[in-house]
């Protein structure tokens, strides 16, 4: 294996959880998540040699992952504009109050626009505002303002 291939393999191994986190932001279907993951790997590989290190590698991985999923999500929505997609899997087998609350939160998050969904899910991952800003391409202050609005939106959903 060439040195760059080894470095890329290490990058994927180190950031696999990050990539899967982003994939699961956009789908709960295992096959679709797998497809998204593969597509992200292709984009990361294509951009790996030109990554200049101006941002943290994890930020770059998040940005490539999010942009790839957003692009695919938009294409999917254009194709299925009038189709209603139903997820028939019960991801929450437990019926306790905490599980119901988490399920309700994620149902509400999935109603948000893709940009707001990305911001709130990155925040839930514990990513700092400045890093979220780097990932989505806005200032940390703007992230703060958007999060206040997004949280208010989530509270007011029925």
Protein backbone atom coordinates (compact mmCIF):
# COMPACT_ATOMS: atom_id res chain seq x y z
CA UNK A 1 0.00 0.00 0.00
CA UNK A 2 1.21 3.48 -0.79
CA UNK A 3 1.76 5.87 2.08
CA UNK A 4 -1.30 7.97 1.14
CA UNK A 5 -3.50 4.88 1.07
CA UNK A 6 -2.28 3.94 4.54
CA UNK A 7 -2.91 7.47 5.80
CA UNK A 8 -6.40 7.38 4.30
CA UNK A 9 -7.11 4.00 5.91
CA UNK A 10 -6.03 5.48 9.27
CA UNK A 11 -8.23 8.54 8.70
CA UNK A 12 -11.26 6.33 8.03
CA UNK A 13 -10.51 4.15 11.05
CA UNK A 14 -10.15 7.21 13.34
CA UNK A 15 -13.24 9.02 12.04
CA UNK A 16 -15.56 6.12 11.25
CA UNK A 17 -17.91 7.02 14.13
CA UNK A 18 -18.08 10.64 12.96
CA UNK A 19 -19.00 9.57 9.43
CA UNK A 20 -21.66 7.15 10.69
CA UNK A 21 -23.08 9.83 12.98
CA UNK A 22 -23.65 12.09 9.99
CA UNK A 23 -25.11 9.22 7.94
CA UNK A 24 -27.60 8.45 10.71
CA UNK A 25 -28.61 12.13 10.76
CA UNK A 26 -30.02 11.60 7.30
CA UNK A 27 -31.36 8.04 7.42
CA UNK A 28 -32.18 5.24 9.81
CA UNK A 29 -32.31 2.63 7.04
CA UNK A 30 -29.19 0.45 7.31
CA UNK A 31 -28.81 -0.01 3.55
CA UNK A 32 -29.14 3.71 2.91
CA UNK A 33 -26.69 4.51 5.72
CA UNK A 34 -24.25 2.08 4.16
CA UNK A 35 -24.69 3.75 0.74
CA UNK A 36 -24.17 7.19 2.28
CA UNK A 37 -21.06 5.94 4.09
CA UNK A 38 -19.60 4.59 0.84
CA UNK A 39 -20.37 7.82 -1.01
CA UNK A 40 -18.67 9.82 1.74
CA UNK A 41 -15.59 7.58 1.54
CA UNK A 42 -15.39 8.26 -2.21
CA UNK A 43 -15.61 12.04 -1.62
CA UNK A 44 -13.03 11.88 1.19
CA UNK A 45 -10.66 9.85 -0.99
CA UNK A 46 -11.03 12.29 -3.89
CA UNK A 47 -10.32 15.25 -1.62
CA UNK A 48 -7.71 13.61 0.61
CA UNK A 49 -4.67 14.49 -1.47
CA UNK A 50 -5.73 18.14 -1.66
CA UNK A 51 -6.57 18.52 2.04
CA UNK A 52 -4.25 21.30 3.14
CA UNK A 53 -4.79 21.19 6.87
CA UNK A 54 -6.27 24.69 7.11
CA UNK A 55 -8.93 23.22 9.37
CA UNK A 56 -8.84 20.34 11.81
CA UNK A 57 -9.09 16.97 10.04
CA UNK A 58 -12.23 16.05 12.05
CA UNK A 59 -13.87 19.32 10.93
CA UNK A 60 -12.98 18.50 7.32
CA UNK A 61 -14.42 14.97 7.66
CA UNK A 62 -17.63 16.40 9.15
CA UNK A 63 -17.90 19.00 6.38
CA UNK A 64 -17.37 16.48 3.56
CA UNK A 65 -19.78 14.04 5.22
CA UNK A 66 -22.49 16.64 5.76
CA UNK A 67 -22.16 18.14 2.28
CA UNK A 68 -22.33 14.68 0.69
CA UNK A 69 -25.43 13.70 2.70
CA UNK A 70 -27.12 17.05 2.07
CA UNK A 71 -26.54 16.74 -1.68
CA UNK A 72 -27.86 13.17 -1.76
CA UNK A 73 -30.81 14.14 0.47
CA UNK A 74 -31.77 17.00 -1.87
CA UNK A 75 -31.57 14.75 -4.94
CA UNK A 76 -33.67 12.12 -3.17
CA UNK A 77 -36.31 14.70 -2.22
CA UNK A 78 -36.48 16.03 -5.76
CA UNK A 79 -37.07 12.50 -7.09
CA UNK A 80 -39.65 11.62 -4.47
CA UNK A 81 -41.28 15.03 -4.16
CA UNK A 82 -44.81 13.75 -3.72
CA UNK A 83 -44.05 10.35 -2.24
CA UNK A 84 -44.57 9.81 1.44
CA UNK A 85 -41.70 7.89 2.96
CA UNK A 86 -42.56 5.69 5.90
CA UNK A 87 -39.95 4.09 8.08
CA UNK A 88 -41.36 0.80 9.26
CA UNK A 89 -38.63 0.00 11.76
CA UNK A 90 -39.11 0.54 15.43
CA UNK A 91 -35.76 1.90 16.57
CA UNK A 92 -37.05 2.41 20.08
CA UNK A 93 -38.09 -0.93 21.51
CA UNK A 94 -38.30 0.39 25.07
CA UNK A 95 -41.42 2.16 26.22
CA UNK A 96 -40.00 3.99 29.23
CA UNK A 97 -40.43 7.78 29.57
CA UNK A 98 -36.82 8.60 28.65
CA UNK A 99 -36.96 6.56 25.46
CA UNK A 100 -40.27 8.15 24.47
CA UNK A 101 -38.77 11.60 25.06
CA UNK A 102 -35.72 10.82 22.93
CA UNK A 103 -37.94 9.41 20.19
CA UNK A 104 -40.12 12.53 20.25
CA UNK A 105 -37.06 14.78 20.09
CA UNK A 106 -35.68 12.98 17.03
CA UNK A 107 -39.09 12.97 15.34
CA UNK A 108 -39.18 16.74 15.80
CA UNK A 109 -35.57 17.16 14.64
CA UNK A 110 -36.40 15.24 11.47
CA UNK A 111 -39.08 17.84 10.68
CA UNK A 112 -36.46 20.62 10.60
CA UNK A 113 -34.79 21.78 7.41
CA UNK A 114 -31.57 19.99 6.55
CA UNK A 115 -29.31 22.88 7.60
CA UNK A 116 -31.01 23.32 10.99
CA UNK A 117 -31.06 19.55 11.48
CA UNK A 118 -27.30 19.40 10.89
CA UNK A 119 -26.64 22.21 13.37
CA UNK A 120 -28.77 20.73 16.17
CA UNK A 121 -27.41 17.21 15.68
CA UNK A 122 -23.80 18.47 15.73
CA UNK A 123 -24.65 20.36 18.93
CA UNK A 124 -26.16 17.19 20.43
CA UNK A 125 -22.88 15.44 19.56
CA UNK A 126 -21.14 17.93 21.85
CA UNK A 127 -19.28 19.74 19.08
CA UNK A 128 -18.24 23.29 20.13
CA UNK A 129 -19.92 26.26 18.41
CA UNK A 130 -16.76 27.34 16.57
CA UNK A 131 -16.30 23.85 15.16
CA UNK A 132 -19.97 23.61 14.15
CA UNK A 133 -19.52 26.96 12.42
CA UNK A 134 -16.46 25.66 10.55
CA UNK A 135 -18.34 22.54 9.51
CA UNK A 136 -21.45 24.28 8.18
CA UNK A 137 -19.73 27.47 7.03
CA UNK A 138 -21.11 30.11 9.41
CA UNK A 139 -19.70 32.03 12.39
CA UNK A 140 -19.80 30.66 15.94
CA UNK A 141 -22.05 33.61 16.89
CA UNK A 142 -24.45 32.66 14.07
CA UNK A 143 -24.43 29.06 15.35
CA UNK A 144 -25.45 30.36 18.77
CA UNK A 145 -28.30 32.44 17.32
CA UNK A 146 -29.49 29.58 15.11
CA UNK A 147 -29.45 27.12 18.03
CA UNK A 148 -31.67 29.43 20.11
CA UNK A 149 -34.15 29.63 17.23
CA UNK A 150 -33.96 25.90 16.50
CA UNK A 151 -34.55 24.95 20.15
CA UNK A 152 -37.53 27.33 20.25
CA UNK A 153 -38.88 25.76 17.05
CA UNK A 154 -38.51 22.26 18.54
CA UNK A 155 -40.34 23.30 21.73
CA UNK A 156 -43.27 24.68 19.73
CA UNK A 157 -43.73 21.64 17.49
CA UNK A 158 -46.72 19.38 18.05
